[in-house]
Amino acid sequence: MDELEKLSNNLASTSMNDKAPKIAGLSYLSMPKIELPTFFGNYTKWENYKDLCTSLVHSNPGVSSVEKRRHLKSSFIGEAAQLLHRIPITQGNYQRCWDLLSERFENKRVLINSHLAELFQFS
């Protein structure tokens, strides 16, 4: 009877894992949940935030525009939150918010000055 239960449990776990989508040989069931970091509006942290947000939210076809906008709102504090606080969470506003953030935090002159200021701060 013990072997029958083991076989039954193995079959049940195999069928559950087979239903989970696979990425590079791993199922979603075995991957930890990744949270978006909090973004305060620091220009030197924008690239890290943008890359993670792009892969988890922006380029994810399974996330609706309203959900994407909600993710932005929940992960922004300070200057970044002030930039978006008057834009309501609606279907059409996610792209508007993303464009506004990109325009603001991808300003090359300000980015370079921020990185230089951070470097000289350690001297």
PDB file of N, CA and C in Angstrom:
ATOM      1  N   MET A   1       0.823  -1.191   0.000  1.00  0.00           N
ATOM      2  CA  MET A   1       0.000   0.000   0.000  1.00  0.00           C
ATOM      3  C   MET A   1       0.871   1.259   0.000  1.00  0.00           C
ATOM      4  N   ASP A   2       2.006   1.215   0.660  1.00  0.00           N
ATOM      5  CA  ASP A   2       2.918   2.346   0.730  1.00  0.00           C
ATOM      6  C   ASP A   2       3.417   2.751  -0.660  1.00  0.00           C
ATOM      7  N   GLU A   3       3.779   1.767  -1.468  1.00  0.00           N
ATOM      8  CA  GLU A   3       4.286   2.049  -2.811  1.00  0.00           C
ATOM      9  C   GLU A   3       3.198   2.646  -3.692  1.00  0.00           C
ATOM     10  N   LEU A   4       1.974   2.213  -3.511  1.00  0.00           N
ATOM     11  CA  LEU A   4       0.847   2.743  -4.283  1.00  0.00           C
ATOM     12  C   LEU A   4       0.622   4.215  -3.956  1.00  0.00           C
ATOM     13  N   GLU A   5       0.724   4.582  -2.687  1.00  0.00           N
ATOM     14  CA  GLU A   5       0.566   5.977  -2.286  1.00  0.00           C
ATOM     15  C   GLU A   5       1.685   6.843  -2.861  1.00  0.00           C
ATOM     16  N   LYS A   6       2.923   6.331  -2.830  1.00  0.00           N
ATOM     17  CA  LYS A   6       4.058   7.077  -3.397  1.00  0.00           C
ATOM     18  C   LYS A   6       3.868   7.308  -4.883  1.00  0.00           C
ATOM     19  N   LEU A   7       3.431   6.273  -5.593  1.00  0.00           N
ATOM     20  CA  LEU A   7       3.197   6.388  -7.028  1.00  0.00           C
ATOM     21  C   LEU A   7       2.087   7.395  -7.312  1.00  0.00           C
ATOM     22  N   SER A   8       1.037   7.338  -6.515  1.00  0.00           N
ATOM     23  CA  SER A   8      -0.081   8.274  -6.673  1.00  0.00           C
ATOM     24  C   SER A   8       0.364   9.710  -6.424  1.00  0.00           C
ATOM     25  N   ASN A   9       1.163   9.921  -5.379  1.00  0.00           N
ATOM     26  CA  ASN A   9       1.674  11.260  -5.074  1.00  0.00           C
ATOM     27  C   ASN A   9       2.596  11.764  -6.168  1.00  0.00           C
ATOM     28  N   ASN A  10       3.450  10.901  -6.700  1.00  0.00           N
ATOM     29  CA  ASN A  10       4.349  11.288  -7.787  1.00  0.00           C
ATOM     30  C   ASN A  10       3.577  11.690  -9.029  1.00  0.00           C
ATOM     31  N   LEU A  11       2.545  10.935  -9.354  1.00  0.00           N
ATOM     32  CA  LEU A  11       1.722  11.264 -10.520  1.00  0.00           C
ATOM     33  C   LEU A  11       0.991  12.586 -10.323  1.00  0.00           C
ATOM     34  N   ALA A  12       0.484  12.814  -9.127  1.00  0.00           N
ATOM     35  CA  ALA A  12      -0.243  14.062  -8.852  1.00  0.00           C
ATOM     36  C   ALA A  12       0.691  15.255  -8.955  1.00  0.00           C
ATOM     37  N   SER A  13       1.907  15.140  -8.393  1.00  0.00           N
ATOM     38  CA  SER A  13       2.830  16.275  -8.453  1.00  0.00           C
ATOM     39  C   SER A  13       3.341  16.497  -9.873  1.00  0.00           C
ATOM     40  N   THR A  14       3.528  15.429 -10.636  1.00  0.00           N
ATOM     41  CA  THR A  14       3.985  15.562 -12.017  1.00  0.00           C
ATOM     42  C   THR A  14       2.946  16.263 -12.860  1.00  0.00           C
ATOM     43  N   SER A  15       1.683  15.910 -12.687  1.00  0.00           N
ATOM     44  CA  SER A  15       0.650  16.534 -13.507  1.00  0.00           C
ATOM     45  C   SER A  15       0.476  17.999 -13.160  1.00  0.00           C
ATOM     46  N   MET A  16       0.645  18.378 -11.886  1.00  0.00           N
ATOM     47  CA  MET A  16       0.548  19.789 -11.514  1.00  0.00           C
ATOM     48  C   MET A  16       1.690  20.581 -12.124  1.00  0.00           C
ATOM     49  N   ASN A  17       2.916  20.036 -12.088  1.00  0.00           N
ATOM     50  CA  ASN A  17       4.063  20.736 -12.649  1.00  0.00           C
ATOM     51  C   ASN A  17       3.984  20.829 -14.156  1.00  0.00           C
ATOM     52  N   ASP A  18       3.367  19.841 -14.815  1.00  0.00           N
ATOM     53  CA  ASP A  18       3.228  19.868 -16.261  1.00  0.00           C
ATOM     54  C   ASP A  18       2.292  20.981 -16.715  1.00  0.00           C
ATOM     55  N   LYS A  19       1.344  21.367 -15.861  1.00  0.00           N
ATOM     56  CA  LYS A  19       0.390  22.425 -16.204  1.00  0.00           C
ATOM     57  C   LYS A  19       1.004  23.811 -16.057  1.00  0.00           C
ATOM     58  N   ALA A  20       2.061  23.947 -15.263  1.00  0.00           N
ATOM     59  CA  ALA A  20       2.696  25.245 -15.037  1.00  0.00           C
ATOM     60  C   ALA A  20       3.544  25.618 -16.243  1.00  0.00           C
ATOM     61  N   PRO A  21       3.492  26.891 -16.660  1.00  0.00           N
ATOM     62  CA  PRO A  21       4.330  27.333 -17.781  1.00  0.00           C
ATOM     63  C   PRO A  21       5.806  27.174 -17.454  1.00  0.00           C
ATOM     64  N   LYS A  22       6.612  26.902 -18.452  1.00  0.00           N
ATOM     65  CA  LYS A  22       8.043  26.697 -18.257  1.00  0.00           C
ATOM     66  C   LYS A  22       8.840  27.857 -18.844  1.00  0.00           C
ATOM     67  N   ILE A  23       9.889  28.250 -18.128  1.00  0.00           N
ATOM     68  CA  ILE A  23      10.839  29.246 -18.619  1.00  0.00           C
ATOM     69  C   ILE A  23      12.226  28.673 -18.354  1.00  0.00           C
ATOM     70  N   ALA A  24      12.988  28.492 -19.396  1.00  0.00           N
ATOM     71  CA  ALA A  24      14.365  27.996 -19.298  1.00  0.00           C
ATOM     72  C   ALA A  24      14.457  26.762 -18.402  1.00  0.00           C
ATOM     73  N   GLY A  25      13.500  25.847 -18.541  1.00  0.00           N
ATOM     74  CA  GLY A  25      13.542  24.605 -17.799  1.00  0.00           C
ATOM     75  C   GLY A  25      12.968  24.681 -16.399  1.00  0.00           C
ATOM     76  N   LEU A  26      12.562  25.847 -15.937  1.00  0.00           N
ATOM     77  CA  LEU A  26      11.987  25.996 -14.605  1.00  0.00           C
ATOM     78  C   LEU A  26      10.503  26.283 -14.728  1.00  0.00           C
ATOM     79  N   SER A  27       9.726  25.774 -13.822  1.00  0.00           N
ATOM     80  CA  SER A  27       8.305  26.104 -13.844  1.00  0.00           C
ATOM     81  C   SER A  27       8.075  27.320 -12.962  1.00  0.00           C
ATOM     82  N   TYR A  28       6.961  28.007 -13.193  1.00  0.00           N
ATOM     83  CA  TYR A  28       6.626  29.159 -12.374  1.00  0.00           C
ATOM     84  C   TYR A  28       6.426  28.743 -10.919  1.00  0.00           C
ATOM     85  N   LEU A  29       6.039  27.502 -10.710  1.00  0.00           N
ATOM     86  CA  LEU A  29       5.825  27.039  -9.346  1.00  0.00           C
ATOM     87  C   LEU A  29       7.099  27.071  -8.526  1.00  0.00           C
ATOM     88  N   SER A  30       8.251  26.873  -9.162  1.00  0.00           N
ATOM     89  CA  SER A  30       9.498  26.820  -8.409  1.00  0.00           C
ATOM     90  C   SER A  30      10.218  28.166  -8.345  1.00  0.00           C
ATOM     91  N   MET A  31       9.712  29.167  -9.041  1.00  0.00           N
ATOM     92  CA  MET A  31      10.370  30.474  -9.048  1.00  0.00           C
ATOM     93  C   MET A  31       9.797  31.368  -7.950  1.00  0.00           C
ATOM     94  N   PRO A  32      10.653  32.079  -7.211  1.00  0.00           N
ATOM     95  CA  PRO A  32      10.133  32.981  -6.180  1.00  0.00           C
ATOM     96  C   PRO A  32       9.472  34.202  -6.812  1.00  0.00           C
ATOM     97  N   LYS A  33       8.512  34.761  -6.116  1.00  0.00           N
ATOM     98  CA  LYS A  33       7.834  35.968  -6.578  1.00  0.00           C
ATOM     99  C   LYS A  33       8.789  37.156  -6.441  1.00  0.00           C
ATOM    100  N   ILE A  34       8.883  37.955  -7.489  1.00  0.00           N
ATOM    101  CA  ILE A  34       9.767  39.121  -7.471  1.00  0.00           C
ATOM    102  C   ILE A  34       8.897  40.370  -7.346  1.00  0.00           C
ATOM    103  N   GLU A  35       9.199  41.188  -6.381  1.00  0.00           N
ATOM    104  CA  GLU A  35       8.474  42.434  -6.167  1.00  0.00           C
ATOM    105  C   GLU A  35       9.220  43.580  -6.838  1.00  0.00           C
ATOM    106  N   LEU A  36       8.477  44.541  -7.335  1.00  0.00           N
ATOM    107  CA  LEU A  36       9.107  45.750  -7.861  1.00  0.00           C
ATOM    108  C   LEU A  36       9.708  46.525  -6.693  1.00  0.00           C
ATOM    109  N   PRO A  37      10.899  47.070  -6.870  1.00  0.00           N
ATOM    110  CA  PRO A  37      11.486  47.873  -5.795  1.00  0.00           C
ATOM    111  C   PRO A  37      10.757  49.215  -5.684  1.00  0.00           C
ATOM    112  N   THR A  38      10.944  49.872  -4.580  1.00  0.00           N
ATOM    113  CA  THR A  38      10.394  51.224  -4.407  1.00  0.00           C
ATOM    114  C   THR A  38      11.320  52.191  -5.123  1.00  0.00           C
ATOM    115  N   PHE A  39      10.729  53.081  -5.910  1.00  0.00           N
ATOM    116  CA  PHE A  39      11.525  54.070  -6.638  1.00  0.00           C
ATOM    117  C   PHE A  39      11.213  55.449  -6.070  1.00  0.00           C
ATOM    118  N   PHE A  40      12.255  56.139  -5.585  1.00  0.00           N
ATOM    119  CA  PHE A  40      12.104  57.432  -4.928  1.00  0.00           C
ATOM    120  C   PHE A  40      12.314  58.613  -5.869  1.00  0.00           C
ATOM    121  N   GLY A  41      12.778  58.346  -7.084  1.00  0.00           N
ATOM    122  CA  GLY A  41      13.058  59.435  -8.011  1.00  0.00           C
ATOM    123  C   GLY A  41      14.542  59.712  -8.154  1.00  0.00           C
ATOM    124  N   ASN A  42      15.380  58.822  -7.635  1.00  0.00           N
ATOM    125  CA  ASN A  42      16.822  58.957  -7.747  1.00  0.00           C
ATOM    126  C   ASN A  42      17.236  58.572  -9.174  1.00  0.00           C
ATOM    127  N   TYR A  43      17.803  59.509  -9.896  1.00  0.00           N
ATOM    128  CA  TYR A  43      18.177  59.274 -11.296  1.00  0.00           C
ATOM    129  C   TYR A  43      19.149  58.113 -11.457  1.00  0.00           C
ATOM    130  N   THR A  44      20.051  57.929 -10.494  1.00  0.00           N
ATOM    131  CA  THR A  44      21.045  56.855 -10.619  1.00  0.00           C
ATOM    132  C   THR A  44      20.423  55.473 -10.417  1.00  0.00           C
ATOM    133  N   LYS A  45      19.231  55.415  -9.862  1.00  0.00           N
ATOM    134  CA  LYS A  45      18.542  54.130  -9.637  1.00  0.00           C
ATOM    135  C   LYS A  45      17.513  53.828 -10.733  1.00  0.00           C
ATOM    136  N   TRP A  46      17.274  54.766 -11.635  1.00  0.00           N
ATOM    137  CA  TRP A  46      16.238  54.603 -12.652  1.00  0.00           C
ATOM    138  C   TRP A  46      16.482  53.403 -13.556  1.00  0.00           C
ATOM    139  N   GLU A  47      17.698  53.226 -14.058  1.00  0.00           N
ATOM    140  CA  GLU A  47      17.973  52.123 -14.994  1.00  0.00           C
ATOM    141  C   GLU A  47      17.655  50.770 -14.368  1.00  0.00           C
ATOM    142  N   ASN A  48      18.054  50.571 -13.120  1.00  0.00           N
ATOM    143  CA  ASN A  48      17.751  49.310 -12.440  1.00  0.00           C
ATOM    144  C   ASN A  48      16.247  49.107 -12.313  1.00  0.00           C
ATOM    145  N   TYR A  49      15.556  50.156 -11.872  1.00  0.00           N
ATOM    146  CA  TYR A  49      14.106  50.061 -11.728  1.00  0.00           C
ATOM    147  C   TYR A  49      13.449  49.789 -13.079  1.00  0.00           C
ATOM    148  N   LYS A  50      13.852  50.545 -14.095  1.00  0.00           N
ATOM    149  CA  LYS A  50      13.247  50.411 -15.421  1.00  0.00           C
ATOM    150  C   LYS A  50      13.444  49.005 -15.987  1.00  0.00           C
ATOM    151  N   ASP A  51      14.635  48.453 -15.860  1.00  0.00           N
ATOM    152  CA  ASP A  51      14.898  47.107 -16.377  1.00  0.00           C
ATOM    153  C   ASP A  51      14.019  46.062 -15.703  1.00  0.00           C
ATOM    154  N   LEU A  52      13.908  46.139 -14.391  1.00  0.00           N
ATOM    155  CA  LEU A  52      13.083  45.174 -13.662  1.00  0.00           C
ATOM    156  C   LEU A  52      11.605  45.373 -13.988  1.00  0.00           C
ATOM    157  N   CYS A  53      11.170  46.609 -14.019  1.00  0.00           N
ATOM    158  CA  CYS A  53       9.773  46.905 -14.336  1.00  0.00           C
ATOM    159  C   CYS A  53       9.429  46.483 -15.756  1.00  0.00           C
ATOM    160  N   THR A  54      10.350  46.684 -16.682  1.00  0.00           N
ATOM    161  CA  THR A  54      10.109  46.293 -18.072  1.00  0.00           C
ATOM    162  C   THR A  54       9.920  44.786 -18.182  1.00  0.00           C
ATOM    163  N   SER A  55      10.776  44.027 -17.518  1.00  0.00           N
ATOM    164  CA  SER A  55      10.674  42.572 -17.647  1.00  0.00           C
ATOM    165  C   SER A  55       9.491  41.990 -16.881  1.00  0.00           C
ATOM    166  N   LEU A  56       9.133  42.560 -15.730  1.00  0.00           N
ATOM    167  CA  LEU A  56       8.042  42.010 -14.929  1.00  0.00           C
ATOM    168  C   LEU A  56       6.671  42.546 -15.320  1.00  0.00           C
ATOM    169  N   VAL A  57       6.607  43.800 -15.728  1.00  0.00           N
ATOM    170  CA  VAL A  57       5.313  44.445 -15.929  1.00  0.00           C
ATOM    171  C   VAL A  57       5.130  44.955 -17.357  1.00  0.00           C
ATOM    172  N   HIS A  58       5.974  45.851 -17.782  1.00  0.00           N
ATOM    173  CA  HIS A  58       5.790  46.572 -19.045  1.00  0.00           C
ATOM    174  C   HIS A  58       5.677  45.640 -20.250  1.00  0.00           C
ATOM    175  N   SER A  59       6.540  44.650 -20.357  1.00  0.00           N
ATOM    176  CA  SER A  59       6.550  43.741 -21.506  1.00  0.00           C
ATOM    177  C   SER A  59       5.743  42.469 -21.275  1.00  0.00           C
ATOM    178  N   ASN A  60       5.033  42.396 -20.182  1.00  0.00           N
ATOM    179  CA  ASN A  60       4.263  41.201 -19.836  1.00  0.00           C
ATOM    180  C   ASN A  60       2.858  41.295 -20.430  1.00  0.00           C
ATOM    181  N   PRO A  61       2.545  40.484 -21.457  1.00  0.00           N
ATOM    182  CA  PRO A  61       1.235  40.563 -22.088  1.00  0.00           C
ATOM    183  C   PRO A  61       0.100  40.082 -21.184  1.00  0.00           C
ATOM    184  N   GLY A  62       0.414  39.395 -20.104  1.00  0.00           N
ATOM    185  CA  GLY A  62      -0.607  38.904 -19.186  1.00  0.00           C
ATOM    186  C   GLY A  62      -1.063  39.934 -18.168  1.00  0.00           C
ATOM    187  N   VAL A  63      -0.468  41.122 -18.198  1.00  0.00           N
ATOM    188  CA  VAL A  63      -0.820  42.174 -17.241  1.00  0.00           C
ATOM    189  C   VAL A  63      -1.537  43.286 -17.998  1.00  0.00           C
ATOM    190  N   SER A  64      -2.746  43.621 -17.566  1.00  0.00           N
ATOM    191  CA  SER A  64      -3.521  44.667 -18.247  1.00  0.00           C
ATOM    192  C   SER A  64      -2.926  46.043 -17.979  1.00  0.00           C
ATOM    193  N   SER A  65      -3.330  47.012 -18.765  1.00  0.00           N
ATOM    194  CA  SER A  65      -2.830  48.391 -18.596  1.00  0.00           C
ATOM    195  C   SER A  65      -3.200  48.958 -17.235  1.00  0.00           C
ATOM    196  N   VAL A  66      -4.383  48.641 -16.745  1.00  0.00           N
ATOM    197  CA  VAL A  66      -4.793  49.130 -15.430  1.00  0.00           C
ATOM    198  C   VAL A  66      -3.904  48.525 -14.341  1.00  0.00           C
ATOM    199  N   GLU A  67      -3.612  47.228 -14.449  1.00  0.00           N
ATOM    200  CA  GLU A  67      -2.720  46.586 -13.479  1.00  0.00           C
ATOM    201  C   GLU A  67      -1.317  47.172 -13.559  1.00  0.00           C
ATOM    202  N   LYS A  68      -0.838  47.438 -14.771  1.00  0.00           N
ATOM    203  CA  LYS A  68       0.490  48.033 -14.942  1.00  0.00           C
ATOM    204  C   LYS A  68       0.542  49.402 -14.270  1.00  0.00           C
ATOM    205  N   ARG A  69      -0.498  50.198 -14.471  1.00  0.00           N
ATOM    206  CA  ARG A  69      -0.567  51.533 -13.859  1.00  0.00           C
ATOM    207  C   ARG A  69      -0.590  51.409 -12.341  1.00  0.00           C
ATOM    208  N   ARG A  70      -1.294  50.416 -11.842  1.00  0.00           N
ATOM    209  CA  ARG A  70      -1.373  50.189 -10.395  1.00  0.00           C
ATOM    210  C   ARG A  70      -0.001  49.799  -9.830  1.00  0.00           C
ATOM    211  N   HIS A  71       0.739  48.970 -10.571  1.00  0.00           N
ATOM    212  CA  HIS A  71       2.092  48.602 -10.138  1.00  0.00           C
ATOM    213  C   HIS A  71       2.986  49.834 -10.046  1.00  0.00           C
ATOM    214  N   LEU A  72       2.876  50.726 -11.040  1.00  0.00           N
ATOM    215  CA  LEU A  72       3.673  51.960 -10.993  1.00  0.00           C
ATOM    216  C   LEU A  72       3.318  52.776  -9.758  1.00  0.00           C
ATOM    217  N   LYS A  73       2.026  52.960  -9.544  1.00  0.00           N
ATOM    218  CA  LYS A  73       1.584  53.781  -8.419  1.00  0.00           C
ATOM    219  C   LYS A  73       2.057  53.204  -7.091  1.00  0.00           C
ATOM    220  N   SER A  74       2.006  51.900  -6.955  1.00  0.00           N
ATOM    221  CA  SER A  74       2.364  51.290  -5.676  1.00  0.00           C
ATOM    222  C   SER A  74       3.870  51.248  -5.417  1.00  0.00           C
ATOM    223  N   SER A  75       4.685  51.400  -6.454  1.00  0.00           N
ATOM    224  CA  SER A  75       6.131  51.307  -6.229  1.00  0.00           C
ATOM    225  C   SER A  75       6.839  52.661  -6.245  1.00  0.00           C
ATOM    226  N   PHE A  76       6.101  53.741  -6.422  1.00  0.00           N
ATOM    227  CA  PHE A  76       6.711  55.067  -6.476  1.00  0.00           C
ATOM    228  C   PHE A  76       6.447  55.856  -5.200  1.00  0.00           C
ATOM    229  N   ILE A  77       7.500  56.548  -4.742  1.00  0.00           N
ATOM    230  CA  ILE A  77       7.439  57.395  -3.544  1.00  0.00           C
ATOM    231  C   ILE A  77       8.192  58.676  -3.864  1.00  0.00           C
ATOM    232  N   GLY A  78       7.850  59.753  -3.207  1.00  0.00           N
ATOM    233  CA  GLY A  78       8.590  61.001  -3.359  1.00  0.00           C
ATOM    234  C   GLY A  78       8.372  61.673  -4.695  1.00  0.00           C
ATOM    235  N   GLU A  79       9.471  62.152  -5.292  1.00  0.00           N
ATOM    236  CA  GLU A  79       9.407  62.907  -6.552  1.00  0.00           C
ATOM    237  C   GLU A  79       8.707  62.114  -7.652  1.00  0.00           C
ATOM    238  N   ALA A  80       9.018  60.847  -7.754  1.00  0.00           N
ATOM    239  CA  ALA A  80       8.416  60.009  -8.798  1.00  0.00           C
ATOM    240  C   ALA A  80       6.909  59.886  -8.584  1.00  0.00           C
ATOM    241  N   ALA A  81       6.478  59.722  -7.355  1.00  0.00           N
ATOM    242  CA  ALA A  81       5.044  59.619  -7.054  1.00  0.00           C
ATOM    243  C   ALA A  81       4.338  60.941  -7.355  1.00  0.00           C
ATOM    244  N   GLN A  82       4.996  62.059  -7.035  1.00  0.00           N
ATOM    245  CA  GLN A  82       4.414  63.377  -7.315  1.00  0.00           C
ATOM    246  C   GLN A  82       4.194  63.585  -8.810  1.00  0.00           C
ATOM    247  N   LEU A  83       5.082  63.040  -9.602  1.00  0.00           N
ATOM    248  CA  LEU A  83       4.996  63.165 -11.043  1.00  0.00           C
ATOM    249  C   LEU A  83       3.726  62.503 -11.586  1.00  0.00           C
ATOM    250  N   LEU A  84       3.287  61.426 -10.947  1.00  0.00           N
ATOM    251  CA  LEU A  84       2.158  60.640 -11.447  1.00  0.00           C
ATOM    252  C   LEU A  84       0.871  60.775 -10.633  1.00  0.00           C
ATOM    253  N   HIS A  85       0.916  61.478  -9.511  1.00  0.00           N
ATOM    254  CA  HIS A  85      -0.214  61.424  -8.582  1.00  0.00           C
ATOM    255  C   HIS A  85      -1.533  61.971  -9.146  1.00  0.00           C
ATOM    256  N   ARG A  86      -1.508  62.838 -10.108  1.00  0.00           N
ATOM    257  CA  ARG A  86      -2.755  63.387 -10.666  1.00  0.00           C
ATOM    258  C   ARG A  86      -3.297  62.595 -11.851  1.00  0.00           C
ATOM    259  N   ILE A  87      -2.555  61.597 -12.289  1.00  0.00           N
ATOM    260  CA  ILE A  87      -3.004  60.794 -13.433  1.00  0.00           C
ATOM    261  C   ILE A  87      -3.771  59.593 -12.895  1.00  0.00           C
ATOM    262  N   PRO A  88      -5.072  59.500 -13.193  1.00  0.00           N
ATOM    263  CA  PRO A  88      -5.879  58.409 -12.640  1.00  0.00           C
ATOM    264  C   PRO A  88      -5.468  57.036 -13.178  1.00  0.00           C
ATOM    265  N   ILE A  89      -5.807  56.019 -12.403  1.00  0.00           N
ATOM    266  CA  ILE A  89      -5.516  54.640 -12.800  1.00  0.00           C
ATOM    267  C   ILE A  89      -6.643  54.172 -13.720  1.00  0.00           C
ATOM    268  N   THR A  90      -6.408  54.333 -15.002  1.00  0.00           N
ATOM    269  CA  THR A  90      -7.388  53.903 -16.003  1.00  0.00           C
ATOM    270  C   THR A  90      -6.656  53.167 -17.126  1.00  0.00           C
ATOM    271  N   GLN A  91      -7.420  52.506 -17.973  1.00  0.00           N
ATOM    272  CA  GLN A  91      -6.866  51.687 -19.052  1.00  0.00           C
ATOM    273  C   GLN A  91      -5.890  52.459 -19.933  1.00  0.00           C
ATOM    274  N   GLY A  92      -6.237  53.682 -20.316  1.00  0.00           N
ATOM    275  CA  GLY A  92      -5.417  54.426 -21.260  1.00  0.00           C
ATOM    276  C   GLY A  92      -4.255  55.191 -20.664  1.00  0.00           C
ATOM    277  N   ASN A  93      -4.144  55.256 -19.354  1.00  0.00           N
ATOM    278  CA  ASN A  93      -3.137  56.113 -18.735  1.00  0.00           C
ATOM    279  C   ASN A  93      -1.804  55.449 -18.449  1.00  0.00           C
ATOM    280  N   TYR A  94      -1.708  54.137 -18.565  1.00  0.00           N
ATOM    281  CA  TYR A  94      -0.429  53.493 -18.266  1.00  0.00           C
ATOM    282  C   TYR A  94       0.663  53.980 -19.216  1.00  0.00           C
ATOM    283  N   GLN A  95       0.405  53.945 -20.510  1.00  0.00           N
ATOM    284  CA  GLN A  95       1.439  54.348 -21.476  1.00  0.00           C
ATOM    285  C   GLN A  95       1.810  55.813 -21.288  1.00  0.00           C
ATOM    286  N   ARG A  96       0.836  56.632 -20.976  1.00  0.00           N
ATOM    287  CA  ARG A  96       1.098  58.055 -20.699  1.00  0.00           C
ATOM    288  C   ARG A  96       2.058  58.197 -19.518  1.00  0.00           C
ATOM    289  N   CYS A  97       1.827  57.429 -18.460  1.00  0.00           N
ATOM    290  CA  CYS A  97       2.698  57.474 -17.281  1.00  0.00           C
ATOM    291  C   CYS A  97       4.098  56.972 -17.608  1.00  0.00           C
ATOM    292  N   TRP A  98       4.168  55.868 -18.338  1.00  0.00           N
ATOM    293  CA  TRP A  98       5.475  55.297 -18.688  1.00  0.00           C
ATOM    294  C   TRP A  98       6.284  56.285 -19.527  1.00  0.00           C
ATOM    295  N   ASP A  99       5.627  56.934 -20.489  1.00  0.00           N
ATOM    296  CA  ASP A  99       6.303  57.921 -21.331  1.00  0.00           C
ATOM    297  C   ASP A  99       6.777  59.116 -20.511  1.00  0.00           C
ATOM    298  N   LEU A 100       5.951  59.560 -19.581  1.00  0.00           N
ATOM    299  CA  LEU A 100       6.306  60.681 -18.716  1.00  0.00           C
ATOM    300  C   LEU A 100       7.522  60.347 -17.849  1.00  0.00           C
ATOM    301  N   LEU A 101       7.530  59.151 -17.286  1.00  0.00           N
ATOM    302  CA  LEU A 101       8.669  58.712 -16.470  1.00  0.00           C
ATOM    303  C   LEU A 101       9.937  58.584 -17.296  1.00  0.00           C
ATOM    304  N   SER A 102       9.808  57.990 -18.467  1.00  0.00           N
ATOM    305  CA  SER A 102      10.972  57.824 -19.342  1.00  0.00           C
ATOM    306  C   SER A 102      11.541  59.175 -19.750  1.00  0.00           C
ATOM    307  N   GLU A 103      10.666  60.097 -20.097  1.00  0.00           N
ATOM    308  CA  GLU A 103      11.112  61.436 -20.493  1.00  0.00           C
ATOM    309  C   GLU A 103      11.847  62.125 -19.341  1.00  0.00           C
ATOM    310  N   ARG A 104      11.327  61.957 -18.141  1.00  0.00           N
ATOM    311  CA  ARG A 104      11.900  62.626 -16.974  1.00  0.00           C
ATOM    312  C   ARG A 104      13.224  61.994 -16.529  1.00  0.00           C
ATOM    313  N   PHE A 105      13.259  60.683 -16.397  1.00  0.00           N
ATOM    314  CA  PHE A 105      14.408  60.030 -15.780  1.00  0.00           C
ATOM    315  C   PHE A 105      15.441  59.511 -16.775  1.00  0.00           C
ATOM    316  N   GLU A 106      15.202  59.684 -18.061  1.00  0.00           N
ATOM    317  CA  GLU A 106      16.200  59.303 -19.058  1.00  0.00           C
ATOM    318  C   GLU A 106      16.861  60.524 -19.694  1.00  0.00           C
ATOM    319  N   ASN A 107      16.820  61.632 -19.005  1.00  0.00           N
ATOM    320  CA  ASN A 107      17.495  62.851 -19.423  1.00  0.00           C
ATOM    321  C   ASN A 107      19.001  62.625 -19.239  1.00  0.00           C
ATOM    322  N   LYS A 108      19.722  62.485 -20.352  1.00  0.00           N
ATOM    323  CA  LYS A 108      21.134  62.092 -20.288  1.00  0.00           C
ATOM    324  C   LYS A 108      21.994  63.079 -19.505  1.00  0.00           C
ATOM    325  N   ARG A 109      21.738  64.356 -19.661  1.00  0.00           N
ATOM    326  CA  ARG A 109      22.533  65.351 -18.941  1.00  0.00           C
ATOM    327  C   ARG A 109      22.349  65.204 -17.433  1.00  0.00           C
ATOM    328  N   VAL A 110      21.111  65.066 -16.995  1.00  0.00           N
ATOM    329  CA  VAL A 110      20.834  64.927 -15.567  1.00  0.00           C
ATOM    330  C   VAL A 110      21.368  63.587 -15.051  1.00  0.00           C
ATOM    331  N   LEU A 111      21.242  62.536 -15.856  1.00  0.00           N
ATOM    332  CA  LEU A 111      21.766  61.222 -15.461  1.00  0.00           C
ATOM    333  C   LEU A 111      23.279  61.269 -15.245  1.00  0.00           C
ATOM    334  N   ILE A 112      23.987  61.874 -16.184  1.00  0.00           N
ATOM    335  CA  ILE A 112      25.447  61.972 -16.072  1.00  0.00           C
ATOM    336  C   ILE A 112      25.826  62.798 -14.851  1.00  0.00           C
ATOM    337  N   ASN A 113      25.171  63.939 -14.654  1.00  0.00           N
ATOM    338  CA  ASN A 113      25.459  64.777 -13.486  1.00  0.00           C
ATOM    339  C   ASN A 113      25.185  64.028 -12.178  1.00  0.00           C
ATOM    340  N   SER A 114      24.110  63.242 -12.140  1.00  0.00           N
ATOM    341  CA  SER A 114      23.771  62.479 -10.936  1.00  0.00           C
ATOM    342  C   SER A 114      24.821  61.412 -10.646  1.00  0.00           C
ATOM    343  N   HIS A 115      25.263  60.726 -11.688  1.00  0.00           N
ATOM    344  CA  HIS A 115      26.292  59.705 -11.497  1.00  0.00           C
ATOM    345  C   HIS A 115      27.622  60.334 -11.077  1.00  0.00           C
ATOM    346  N   LEU A 116      27.977  61.462 -11.669  1.00  0.00           N
ATOM    347  CA  LEU A 116      29.214  62.144 -11.276  1.00  0.00           C
ATOM    348  C   LEU A 116      29.133  62.636  -9.837  1.00  0.00           C
ATOM    349  N   ALA A 117      28.007  63.191  -9.443  1.00  0.00           N
ATOM    350  CA  ALA A 117      27.843  63.664  -8.070  1.00  0.00           C
ATOM    351  C   ALA A 117      27.982  62.506  -7.090  1.00  0.00           C
ATOM    352  N   GLU A 118      27.434  61.347  -7.448  1.00  0.00           N
ATOM    353  CA  GLU A 118      27.544  60.179  -6.594  1.00  0.00           C
ATOM    354  C   GLU A 118      28.987  59.698  -6.501  1.00  0.00           C
ATOM    355  N   LEU A 119      29.718  59.739  -7.614  1.00  0.00           N
ATOM    356  CA  LEU A 119      31.130  59.341  -7.609  1.00  0.00           C
ATOM    357  C   LEU A 119      31.977  60.273  -6.743  1.00  0.00           C
ATOM    358  N   PHE A 120      31.772  61.577  -6.888  1.00  0.00           N
ATOM    359  CA  PHE A 120      32.573  62.543  -6.131  1.00  0.00           C
ATOM    360  C   PHE A 120      32.206  62.570  -4.664  1.00  0.00           C
ATOM    361  N   GLN A 121      31.048  62.078  -4.339  1.00  0.00           N
ATOM    362  CA  GLN A 121      30.618  62.023  -2.943  1.00  0.00           C
ATOM    363  C   GLN A 121      31.494  61.040  -2.142  1.00  0.00           C
ATOM    364  N   PHE A 122      32.035  60.029  -2.815  1.00  0.00           N
ATOM    365  CA  PHE A 122      32.884  59.041  -2.155  1.00  0.00           C
ATOM    366  C   PHE A 122      34.318  59.525  -1.968  1.00  0.00           C
ATOM    367  N   SER A 123      34.710  60.586  -2.635  1.00  0.00           N
ATOM    368  CA  SER A 123      36.098  61.084  -2.558  1.00  0.00           C
ATOM    369  C   SER A 123      36.396  61.725  -1.230  1.00  0.00           C
TER     370      SER A 123
END
